[in-house]
C-alpha atoms as a PDB file:
ATOM      1  CA  MET A   1      -0.047   0.081  -0.004  1.00  0.00           C
ATOM      2  CA  THR A   2       1.417   3.313  -0.994  1.00  0.00           C
ATOM      3  CA  TYR A   3       0.833   6.783   0.589  1.00  0.00           C
ATOM      4  CA  ASP A   4       0.361  10.174  -0.690  1.00  0.00           C
ATOM      5  CA  TYR A   5       0.233  13.236   1.452  1.00  0.00           C
ATOM      6  CA  SER A   6      -3.183  14.958   1.066  1.00  0.00           C
ATOM      7  CA  GLY A   7      -3.108  17.713   3.718  1.00  0.00           C
ATOM      8  CA  ASP A   8      -2.007  21.357   3.609  1.00  0.00           C
ATOM      9  CA  ALA A   9       0.903  21.251   5.660  1.00  0.00           C
ATOM     10  CA  HIS A  10       3.551  21.958   2.973  1.00  0.00           C
ATOM     11  CA  ARG A  11       2.184  25.384   2.259  1.00  0.00           C
ATOM     12  CA  GLU A  12       2.058  26.355   5.965  1.00  0.00           C
ATOM     13  CA  LEU A  13       5.582  24.987   6.444  1.00  0.00           C
ATOM     14  CA  VAL A  14       7.100  26.894   3.380  1.00  0.00           C
ATOM     15  CA  ALA A  15       5.401  30.303   4.597  1.00  0.00           C
ATOM     16  CA  ALA A  16       7.166  29.471   8.107  1.00  0.00           C
ATOM     17  CA  TYR A  17      10.528  28.794   6.596  1.00  0.00           C
ATOM     18  CA  ARG A  18       9.926  32.264   4.630  1.00  0.00           C
ATOM     19  CA  ALA A  19       9.101  33.970   8.106  1.00  0.00           C
ATOM     20  CA  ASP A  20      11.958  32.728   9.956  1.00  0.00           C
ATOM     21  CA  GLU A  21      14.961  35.203  11.043  1.00  0.00           C
ATOM     22  CA  SER A  22      18.078  35.480  12.741  1.00  0.00           C
ATOM     23  CA  PRO A  23      19.439  34.046  14.837  1.00  0.00           C
ATOM     24  CA  PHE A  24      17.803  30.847  13.337  1.00  0.00           C
ATOM     25  CA  PRO A  25      19.675  29.926  10.098  1.00  0.00           C
ATOM     26  CA  THR A  26      18.148  31.498   6.995  1.00  0.00           C
ATOM     27  CA  ASP A  27      21.063  31.251   4.510  1.00  0.00           C
ATOM     28  CA  ALA A  28      20.200  28.635   1.894  1.00  0.00           C
ATOM     29  CA  SER A  29      23.692  28.699   0.445  1.00  0.00           C
ATOM     30  CA  THR A  30      25.545  26.873   3.456  1.00  0.00           C
ATOM     31  CA  ALA A  31      26.183  23.275   3.079  1.00  0.00           C
ATOM     32  CA  TYR A  32      26.917  20.802   6.126  1.00  0.00           C
ATOM     33  CA  PRO A  33      28.711  17.736   7.029  1.00  0.00           C
ATOM     34  CA  ARG A  34      26.618  14.598   6.178  1.00  0.00           C
ATOM     35  CA  ARG A  35      24.843  13.043   9.332  1.00  0.00           C
ATOM     36  CA  ASP A  36      23.374   9.760   8.546  1.00  0.00           C
ATOM     37  CA  ALA A  37      20.520   8.026  10.676  1.00  0.00           C
ATOM     38  CA  LEU A  38      19.713   4.273  11.035  1.00  0.00           C
ATOM     39  CA  ARG A  39      15.839   5.046  10.767  1.00  0.00           C
ATOM     40  CA  ASP A  40      14.345   6.995   7.720  1.00  0.00           C
ATOM     41  CA  GLU A  41      12.336   9.275   9.947  1.00  0.00           C
ATOM     42  CA  LEU A  42      14.715  11.146  11.784  1.00  0.00           C
ATOM     43  CA  PRO A  43      16.381  12.629   8.724  1.00  0.00           C
ATOM     44  CA  LEU A  44      13.064  13.701   7.138  1.00  0.00           C
ATOM     45  CA  LEU A  45      12.046  15.290  10.303  1.00  0.00           C
ATOM     46  CA  ARG A  46      15.032  17.149  10.401  1.00  0.00           C
ATOM     47  CA  GLN A  47      15.068  18.371   6.772  1.00  0.00           C
ATOM     48  CA  LEU A  48      11.263  19.294   7.213  1.00  0.00           C
ATOM     49  CA  LEU A  49      11.536  21.022  10.371  1.00  0.00           C
ATOM     50  CA  PHE A  50      14.761  22.852   9.871  1.00  0.00           C
ATOM     51  CA  PRO A  51      15.915  22.715   6.230  1.00  0.00           C
ATOM     52  CA  CYS A  52      18.513  25.204   6.399  1.00  0.00           C
ATOM     53  CA  CYS A  53      20.532  23.329   8.876  1.00  0.00           C
ATOM     54  CA  TRP A  54      20.004  20.187   6.990  1.00  0.00           C
ATOM     55  CA  ASN A  55      20.921  20.797   3.391  1.00  0.00           C
ATOM     56  CA  ALA A  56      17.391  20.833   2.198  1.00  0.00           C
ATOM     57  CA  THR A  57      17.056  24.294   1.096  1.00  0.00           C
ATOM     58  CA  GLU A  58      15.087  23.356  -1.924  1.00  0.00           C
ATOM     59  CA  LEU A  59      12.009  23.233   0.308  1.00  0.00           C
ATOM     60  CA  LEU A  60      12.317  26.913   1.189  1.00  0.00           C
ATOM     61  CA  ASP A  61      10.470  27.973  -1.904  1.00  0.00           C
ATOM     62  CA  ASP A  62       8.407  25.242  -3.295  1.00  0.00           C
ATOM     63  CA  PRO A  63       5.441  23.921  -1.352  1.00  0.00           C
ATOM     64  CA  GLU A  64       5.193  21.067  -3.953  1.00  0.00           C
ATOM     65  CA  THR A  65       8.782  19.743  -3.035  1.00  0.00           C
ATOM     66  CA  THR A  66       7.759  20.131   0.548  1.00  0.00           C
ATOM     67  CA  ARG A  67       4.762  18.055   0.035  1.00  0.00           C
ATOM     68  CA  ALA A  68       6.793  15.521  -1.543  1.00  0.00           C
ATOM     69  CA  ARG A  69       9.121  15.435   1.423  1.00  0.00           C
ATOM     70  CA  LEU A  70       6.058  15.213   3.390  1.00  0.00           C
ATOM     71  CA  THR A  71       4.781  11.785   1.502  1.00  0.00           C
ATOM     72  CA  ASP A  72       8.209  10.637   2.079  1.00  0.00           C
ATOM     73  CA  LEU A  73       8.067  11.063   5.660  1.00  0.00           C
ATOM     74  CA  GLY A  74       4.241   9.908   5.701  1.00  0.00           C
ATOM     75  CA  ALA A  75       5.433   6.737   3.973  1.00  0.00           C
ATOM     76  CA  CYS A  76       7.346   5.885   6.642  1.00  0.00           C
ATOM     77  CA  LEU A  77       4.798   6.795   9.564  1.00  0.00           C
ATOM     78  CA  HIS A  78       2.434   4.760   7.393  1.00  0.00           C
ATOM     79  CA  ARG A  79       4.539   1.934   7.504  1.00  0.00           C
ATOM     80  CA  GLY A  80       5.090   2.092  11.374  1.00  0.00           C
ATOM     81  CA  ILE A  81       1.405   2.649  12.050  1.00  0.00           C
ATOM     82  CA  ALA A  82       0.359  -0.175   9.756  1.00  0.00           C
ATOM     83  CA  ALA A  83       2.663  -2.874  11.292  1.00  0.00           C
ATOM     84  CA  TYR A  84       0.605  -2.642  14.627  1.00  0.00           C
ATOM     85  CA  ALA A  85      -2.573  -1.830  13.065  1.00  0.00           C
ATOM     86  CA  GLY A  86      -5.474  -4.207  14.211  1.00  0.00           C
ATOM     87  CA  PRO A  87      -8.745  -5.032  12.440  1.00  0.00           C
ATOM     88  CA  GLU A  88     -10.196  -2.104  14.677  1.00  0.00           C
ATOM     89  CA  THR A  89      -7.653   0.479  13.717  1.00  0.00           C
ATOM     90  CA  ASP A  90      -8.823   3.418  11.523  1.00  0.00           C
ATOM     91  CA  ASP A  91      -7.254   4.170   8.434  1.00  0.00           C
ATOM     92  CA  PRO A  92      -3.557   4.365   8.584  1.00  0.00           C
ATOM     93  CA  ALA A  93      -3.512   7.065   5.782  1.00  0.00           C
ATOM     94  CA  GLY A  94      -6.043   9.428   7.655  1.00  0.00           C
ATOM     95  CA  ILE A  95      -3.797   9.115  10.970  1.00  0.00           C
ATOM     96  CA  VAL A  96      -0.649   9.929   8.866  1.00  0.00           C
ATOM     97  CA  ASP A  97      -2.318  13.088   7.296  1.00  0.00           C
ATOM     98  CA  ARG A  98      -3.413  14.073  10.693  1.00  0.00           C
ATOM     99  CA  THR A  99       0.089  13.485  12.346  1.00  0.00           C
ATOM    100  CA  LEU A 100       1.839  15.448   9.561  1.00  0.00           C
ATOM    101  CA  ASP A 101      -0.701  18.761   9.671  1.00  0.00           C
ATOM    102  CA  ARG A 102       0.651  18.967  12.961  1.00  0.00           C
ATOM    103  CA  LEU A 103       4.122  19.496  12.118  1.00  0.00           C
ATOM    104  CA  PRO A 104       3.837  23.076  11.614  1.00  0.00           C
ATOM    105  CA  ALA A 105       2.893  23.527  15.098  1.00  0.00           C
ATOM    106  CA  ILE A 106       5.370  21.165  16.260  1.00  0.00           C
ATOM    107  CA  ARG A 107       7.973  23.176  14.607  1.00  0.00           C
ATOM    108  CA  ARG A 108       6.968  26.477  16.235  1.00  0.00           C
ATOM    109  CA  THR A 109       6.965  24.587  19.545  1.00  0.00           C
ATOM    110  CA  LEU A 110      10.664  23.004  18.898  1.00  0.00           C
ATOM    111  CA  LYS A 111      11.891  26.880  18.015  1.00  0.00           C
ATOM    112  CA  LYS A 112      11.027  27.628  21.593  1.00  0.00           C
ATOM    113  CA  ASP A 113      13.189  24.712  22.624  1.00  0.00           C
ATOM    114  CA  VAL A 114      16.305  25.877  20.662  1.00  0.00           C
ATOM    115  CA  GLU A 115      15.740  29.592  22.319  1.00  0.00           C
ATOM    116  CA  ALA A 116      15.578  27.848  25.571  1.00  0.00           C
ATOM    117  CA  ALA A 117      18.541  25.723  24.971  1.00  0.00           C
ATOM    118  CA  TYR A 118      20.498  28.871  23.700  1.00  0.00           C
ATOM    119  CA  LYS A 119      19.500  31.227  26.744  1.00  0.00           C
ATOM    120  CA  GLY A 120      20.078  28.206  28.968  1.00  0.00           C
ATOM    121  CA  ASP A 121      23.534  27.030  28.003  1.00  0.00           C
ATOM    122  CA  PRO A 122      26.380  29.285  28.291  1.00  0.00           C
ATOM    123  CA  ALA A 123      28.439  27.062  25.739  1.00  0.00           C
ATOM    124  CA  ALA A 124      25.969  27.322  22.985  1.00  0.00           C
ATOM    125  CA  LYS A 125      27.282  29.648  20.262  1.00  0.00           C
ATOM    126  CA  SER A 126      24.571  29.298  17.684  1.00  0.00           C
ATOM    127  CA  TYR A 127      21.110  28.041  16.972  1.00  0.00           C
ATOM    128  CA  CYS A 128      22.301  26.004  14.322  1.00  0.00           C
ATOM    129  CA  GLU A 129      24.701  24.445  16.687  1.00  0.00           C
ATOM    130  CA  ILE A 130      22.054  23.412  18.953  1.00  0.00           C
ATOM    131  CA  ILE A 131      20.060  22.366  16.162  1.00  0.00           C
ATOM    132  CA  ARG A 132      22.649  20.057  14.462  1.00  0.00           C
ATOM    133  CA  SER A 133      24.697  19.081  17.665  1.00  0.00           C
ATOM    134  CA  TYR A 134      22.757  19.198  20.914  1.00  0.00           C
ATOM    135  CA  PRO A 135      21.354  15.597  22.323  1.00  0.00           C
ATOM    136  CA  GLY A 136      18.985  16.796  24.349  1.00  0.00           C
ATOM    137  CA  PHE A 137      17.687  18.945  21.182  1.00  0.00           C
ATOM    138  CA  GLN A 138      17.356  15.933  18.598  1.00  0.00           C
ATOM    139  CA  ALA A 139      15.344  13.705  21.734  1.00  0.00           C
ATOM    140  CA  VAL A 140      12.907  16.370  22.323  1.00  0.00           C
ATOM    141  CA  LEU A 141      12.438  16.614  18.425  1.00  0.00           C
ATOM    142  CA  ILE A 142      11.565  13.073  18.115  1.00  0.00           C
ATOM    143  CA  HIS A 143       9.674  12.936  21.237  1.00  0.00           C
ATOM    144  CA  ARG A 144       7.218  15.810  19.990  1.00  0.00           C
ATOM    145  CA  VAL A 145       6.448  13.571  17.259  1.00  0.00           C
ATOM    146  CA  ALA A 146       6.129  10.256  19.252  1.00  0.00           C
ATOM    147  CA  HIS A 147       4.115  11.964  21.781  1.00  0.00           C
ATOM    148  CA  ARG A 148       1.530  13.065  19.143  1.00  0.00           C
ATOM    149  CA  LEU A 149       1.560   9.542  18.128  1.00  0.00           C
ATOM    150  CA  TYR A 150       0.899   8.433  21.845  1.00  0.00           C
ATOM    151  CA  GLU A 151      -1.816  10.540  21.928  1.00  0.00           C
ATOM    152  CA  ILE A 152      -3.853   9.151  19.403  1.00  0.00           C
ATOM    153  CA  GLU A 153      -3.067   5.724  20.531  1.00  0.00           C
ATOM    154  CA  ARG A 154      -0.538   4.305  18.113  1.00  0.00           C
ATOM    155  CA  PHE A 155       1.632   3.377  21.739  1.00  0.00           C
ATOM    156  CA  ALA A 156       4.054   0.768  20.006  1.00  0.00           C
ATOM    157  CA  TYR A 157       5.240   2.743  17.207  1.00  0.00           C
ATOM    158  CA  ALA A 158       5.688   6.006  19.346  1.00  0.00           C
ATOM    159  CA  ARG A 159       7.638   3.849  21.574  1.00  0.00           C
ATOM    160  CA  GLU A 160      10.000   2.442  18.881  1.00  0.00           C
ATOM    161  CA  LEU A 161      10.562   6.183  17.824  1.00  0.00           C
ATOM    162  CA  ALA A 162      11.328   7.031  21.699  1.00  0.00           C
ATOM    163  CA  GLU A 163      13.631   3.909  21.735  1.00  0.00           C
ATOM    164  CA  TYR A 164      15.379   5.116  18.622  1.00  0.00           C
ATOM    165  CA  ALA A 165      16.039   8.676  19.811  1.00  0.00           C
ATOM    166  CA  LYS A 166      17.457   6.704  23.217  1.00  0.00           C
ATOM    167  CA  THR A 167      19.560   4.928  21.077  1.00  0.00           C
ATOM    168  CA  GLU A 168      20.838   8.321  19.261  1.00  0.00           C
ATOM    169  CA  THR A 169      21.363  10.462  22.249  1.00  0.00           C
ATOM    170  CA  GLY A 170      21.287   8.736  25.540  1.00  0.00           C
ATOM    171  CA  ILE A 171      18.112  10.334  26.758  1.00  0.00           C
ATOM    172  CA  ASP A 172      15.010   8.082  27.437  1.00  0.00           C
ATOM    173  CA  ILE A 173      11.720  10.167  27.145  1.00  0.00           C
ATOM    174  CA  HIS A 174       8.717   8.014  27.215  1.00  0.00           C
ATOM    175  CA  PRO A 175       6.221   9.159  24.497  1.00  0.00           C
ATOM    176  CA  GLY A 176       3.551   9.631  27.056  1.00  0.00           C
ATOM    177  CA  ALA A 177       5.285  12.144  28.604  1.00  0.00           C
ATOM    178  CA  LYS A 178       3.749  15.698  28.354  1.00  0.00           C
ATOM    179  CA  ILE A 179       6.504  18.358  28.080  1.00  0.00           C
ATOM    180  CA  GLY A 180       5.621  22.264  27.827  1.00  0.00           C
ATOM    181  CA  GLU A 181       7.291  24.492  25.921  1.00  0.00           C
ATOM    182  CA  TYR A 182      10.960  26.159  26.105  1.00  0.00           C
ATOM    183  CA  PHE A 183      12.052  22.642  27.355  1.00  0.00           C
ATOM    184  CA  PHE A 184      15.872  21.999  27.532  1.00  0.00           C
ATOM    185  CA  VAL A 185      17.888  18.872  28.612  1.00  0.00           C
ATOM    186  CA  ASP A 186      21.737  19.916  28.666  1.00  0.00           C
ATOM    187  CA  HIS A 187      24.292  17.342  27.989  1.00  0.00           C
ATOM    188  CA  GLY A 188      21.532  14.627  28.611  1.00  0.00           C
ATOM    189  CA  THR A 189      23.044  11.196  28.996  1.00  0.00           C
ATOM    190  CA  GLY A 190      21.181   9.098  31.496  1.00  0.00           C
ATOM    191  CA  VAL A 191      18.181  11.159  31.702  1.00  0.00           C
ATOM    192  CA  VAL A 192      14.786   9.018  32.070  1.00  0.00           C
ATOM    193  CA  VAL A 193      11.162  10.568  32.062  1.00  0.00           C
ATOM    194  CA  GLY A 194       8.539   8.346  32.733  1.00  0.00           C
ATOM    195  CA  GLU A 195       5.115   7.973  31.043  1.00  0.00           C
ATOM    196  CA  THR A 196       3.070   9.720  33.303  1.00  0.00           C
ATOM    197  CA  THR A 197       5.316  12.880  33.803  1.00  0.00           C
ATOM    198  CA  THR A 198       4.273  16.246  33.064  1.00  0.00           C
ATOM    199  CA  VAL A 199       6.675  19.038  32.607  1.00  0.00           C
ATOM    200  CA  GLY A 200       5.736  22.985  32.512  1.00  0.00           C
ATOM    201  CA  ASP A 201       7.117  25.641  30.470  1.00  0.00           C
ATOM    202  CA  TRP A 202      11.009  26.911  30.770  1.00  0.00           C
ATOM    203  CA  VAL A 203      12.131  23.798  32.563  1.00  0.00           C
ATOM    204  CA  ARG A 204      15.780  22.775  32.397  1.00  0.00           C
ATOM    205  CA  ILE A 205      17.456  19.418  33.560  1.00  0.00           C
ATOM    206  CA  TYR A 206      20.947  18.232  33.547  1.00  0.00           C
ATOM    207  CA  GLN A 207      22.302  14.685  32.855  1.00  0.00           C
ATOM    208  CA  ASN A 208      21.444  11.601  35.095  1.00  0.00           C
ATOM    209  CA  VAL A 209      18.197  13.307  35.962  1.00  0.00           C
ATOM    210  CA  THR A 210      15.268  10.489  36.463  1.00  0.00           C
ATOM    211  CA  LEU A 211      11.815  11.847  36.643  1.00  0.00           C
ATOM    212  CA  GLY A 212      10.440   8.247  37.461  1.00  0.00           C
ATOM    213  CA  ALA A 213       8.143   6.063  39.832  1.00  0.00           C
ATOM    214  CA  LEU A 214       8.818   5.340  43.321  1.00  0.00           C
ATOM    215  CA  HIS A 215       6.968   2.247  43.726  1.00  0.00           C
ATOM    216  CA  PHE A 216       4.470   0.050  41.731  1.00  0.00           C
ATOM    217  CA  GLU A 217       1.076  -0.990  42.443  1.00  0.00           C
ATOM    218  CA  GLU A 218      -0.032  -4.761  41.421  1.00  0.00           C
ATOM    219  CA  ALA A 219      -2.942  -5.425  39.052  1.00  0.00           C
ATOM    220  CA  GLU A 220      -5.923  -6.803  41.400  1.00  0.00           C
ATOM    221  CA  ASP A 221      -6.685 -10.720  40.667  1.00  0.00           C
ATOM    222  CA  ALA A 222      -3.513 -11.073  38.672  1.00  0.00           C
ATOM    223  CA  ASP A 223      -0.517 -13.140  38.949  1.00  0.00           C
ATOM    224  CA  ASN A 224       2.891 -11.112  39.182  1.00  0.00           C
ATOM    225  CA  LEU A 225       0.947  -8.366  36.786  1.00  0.00           C
ATOM    226  CA  LEU A 226       1.634  -4.663  37.475  1.00  0.00           C
ATOM    227  CA  ALA A 227      -1.153  -2.580  37.238  1.00  0.00           C
ATOM    228  CA  LYS A 228      -1.345  -0.240  34.018  1.00  0.00           C
ATOM    229  CA  ASP A 229      -2.301   3.192  33.369  1.00  0.00           C
ATOM    230  CA  TYR A 230      -2.246   4.902  36.994  1.00  0.00           C
ATOM    231  CA  LYS A 231      -0.331   8.328  37.833  1.00  0.00           C
ATOM    232  CA  ARG A 232       3.159   7.341  39.123  1.00  0.00           C
ATOM    233  CA  HIS A 233       5.711   9.966  37.907  1.00  0.00           C
ATOM    234  CA  PRO A 234       5.770  13.611  38.806  1.00  0.00           C
ATOM    235  CA  ASP A 235       4.451  16.797  37.925  1.00  0.00           C
ATOM    236  CA  ILE A 236       7.045  19.404  37.238  1.00  0.00           C
ATOM    237  CA  GLY A 237       6.020  23.081  37.230  1.00  0.00           C
ATOM    238  CA  ASP A 238       7.158  26.001  35.323  1.00  0.00           C
ATOM    239  CA  HIS A 239      10.628  27.788  35.470  1.00  0.00           C
ATOM    240  CA  VAL A 240      12.296  24.477  37.124  1.00  0.00           C
ATOM    241  CA  VAL A 241      15.792  23.776  36.949  1.00  0.00           C
ATOM    242  CA  ILE A 242      16.903  20.117  38.012  1.00  0.00           C
ATOM    243  CA  GLY A 243      20.632  19.454  38.867  1.00  0.00           C
ATOM    244  CA  ALA A 244      22.710  16.367  37.349  1.00  0.00           C
ATOM    245  CA  GLY A 245      22.313  13.020  39.212  1.00  0.00           C
ATOM    246  CA  SER A 246      18.902  14.029  40.866  1.00  0.00           C
ATOM    247  CA  ASN A 247      15.892  11.722  41.109  1.00  0.00           C
ATOM    248  CA  VAL A 248      12.534  13.060  41.425  1.00  0.00           C
ATOM    249  CA  LEU A 249      10.315  10.111  41.907  1.00  0.00           C
ATOM    250  CA  GLY A 250       6.560   9.397  42.330  1.00  0.00           C
ATOM    251  CA  ALA A 251       3.253  11.175  41.602  1.00  0.00           C
ATOM    252  CA  ILE A 252       4.390  14.195  43.489  1.00  0.00           C
ATOM    253  CA  GLU A 253       4.268  18.038  42.758  1.00  0.00           C
ATOM    254  CA  ILE A 254       7.193  20.288  41.877  1.00  0.00           C
ATOM    255  CA  GLY A 255       6.016  23.902  42.110  1.00  0.00           C
ATOM    256  CA  ASP A 256       6.770  26.812  39.975  1.00  0.00           C
ATOM    257  CA  ASP A 257      10.311  28.355  40.218  1.00  0.00           C
ATOM    258  CA  VAL A 258      11.874  25.466  41.933  1.00  0.00           C
ATOM    259  CA  SER A 259      15.586  24.550  41.703  1.00  0.00           C
ATOM    260  CA  ILE A 260      16.670  21.251  42.777  1.00  0.00           C
ATOM    261  CA  GLY A 261      20.461  20.918  43.033  1.00  0.00           C
ATOM    262  CA  ALA A 262      22.819  18.194  42.006  1.00  0.00           C
ATOM    263  CA  ASN A 263      22.291  14.753  43.295  1.00  0.00           C
ATOM    264  CA  SER A 264      18.896  15.432  45.477  1.00  0.00           C
ATOM    265  CA  TRP A 265      16.702  12.648  46.122  1.00  0.00           C
ATOM    266  CA  VAL A 266      13.015  14.088  45.928  1.00  0.00           C
ATOM    267  CA  THR A 267      10.105  11.808  46.643  1.00  0.00           C
ATOM    268  CA  ASP A 268       7.778  14.542  48.653  1.00  0.00           C
ATOM    269  CA  ASP A 269       5.842  17.735  47.151  1.00  0.00           C
ATOM    270  CA  VAL A 270       8.379  21.095  46.802  1.00  0.00           C
ATOM    271  CA  PRO A 271       6.018  24.202  47.070  1.00  0.00           C
ATOM    272  CA  ASP A 272       6.720  27.039  44.943  1.00  0.00           C
ATOM    273  CA  ASP A 273       9.807  29.561  44.652  1.00  0.00           C
ATOM    274  CA  THR A 274      12.056  26.788  46.951  1.00  0.00           C
ATOM    275  CA  SER A 275      15.535  25.417  46.496  1.00  0.00           C
ATOM    276  CA  VAL A 276      16.135  21.755  47.226  1.00  0.00           C
ATOM    277  CA  PHE A 277      19.622  20.655  47.719  1.00  0.00           C
ATOM    278  CA  VAL A 278      22.125  17.928  49.667  1.00  0.00           C
ATOM    279  CA  ALA A 279      22.943  19.868  52.556  1.00  0.00           C
ATOM    280  CA  ASP A 280      25.666  17.451  54.168  1.00  0.00           C
ATOM    281  CA  HIS A 281      28.023  16.350  51.600  1.00  0.00           C
ATOM    282  CA  PRO A 282      30.573  13.736  52.531  1.00  0.00           C
ATOM    283  CA  ASP A 283      33.921  15.109  53.586  1.00  0.00           C
ATOM    284  CA  GLN A 284      36.542  15.358  50.968  1.00  0.00           C
ATOM    285  CA  ARG A 285      40.215  14.219  51.874  1.00  0.00           C
ATOM    286  CA  ARG A 286      43.166  14.466  49.850  1.00  0.00           C
ATOM    287  CA  LYS A 287      46.842  12.973  51.025  1.00  0.00           C
ATOM    288  CA  SER A 288      50.029  13.000  48.706  1.00  0.00           C
ATOM    289  CA  ASN A 289      50.814   9.860  46.435  1.00  0.00           C
ATOM    290  CA  ASP A 290      54.524  10.017  47.788  1.00  0.00           C
END
C-alpha cells in the first residue's frame, strides 16, 4: 500500500521557513557535513523542520517539493502505524495525514526549545549548533512527534521512535510524557522521563536526572502483573531547574520557580519558589601519593 500526503502542511511549512529570522539559520547557500541515521524518519523530520540546517534548502521556496518530502515521511509513518494495525484500527493514511498536519505547530514549539537551549547554556554559540549537535534537542524533536502518535493511541510505534531517540542520544523520554514549551535537556546522558510525567514551561534538566516512579502497584486478581495506566510519575511546574544526578520520584508535585540541586533525592511535594539541595556533602580528603 502506498501513501500520498493530501493535507496542507506543506504550504504552511514553506510560509514558516520564509518567516524565519536570525538567529535561526536562513542562509540557503550553506552546506553542512553529512549526518546519517539508522531510521528514515529522523533525517526527514530534520529536513522538514529545519531545512537550512540539514541541506534541504530546496524546500524553502517550493510547497510542492515540501509536499513530496512530507509524502516520504508519511510513507515511513504509514509503515510504522500499519505494522501494528489491528482490524479495529482507523485508516492509517488518515492518521498519518493528521499527524503531518501537526508538523507546523510542532516546528513552532521546537523553535522555542532552541531558544531555551541557547539562553540556558553559556556554551551555546548559535542556534544552528543546537539544532545539529545537541542530543537533548534531538531527543525532544523526536519526542514531540512520538507524543502525538501516543496521544492518538499508536503506542507501539510511538515507543519505537522513543527507543530510537534513546539509542541516538542516551536520553529516555517515554512518548506518554507531556512536556511544555521552552524545554531544555543539557548534556542529557542518562536522563529518564517516565510515562505519566508532566513538565511545565521553561524547564531545564541536566544529565543523569530521573523523573520516575517510586513504587509500583499490582493489578487486582492478577499473578505477578503490575497495574497499568495510573499516575506514578511527578508533575514539574514552570521555570524549574533540576541538577545533574537528581532523582524526582513518585506522583508528586514540583511547584513553579523551583531549583533542585545536583544529586538530590526528592520524593515529596516541593512548593513554589523553593530550592532543594543536599545539605551535608561527604568530606573530601586528600593525601600525597608519595
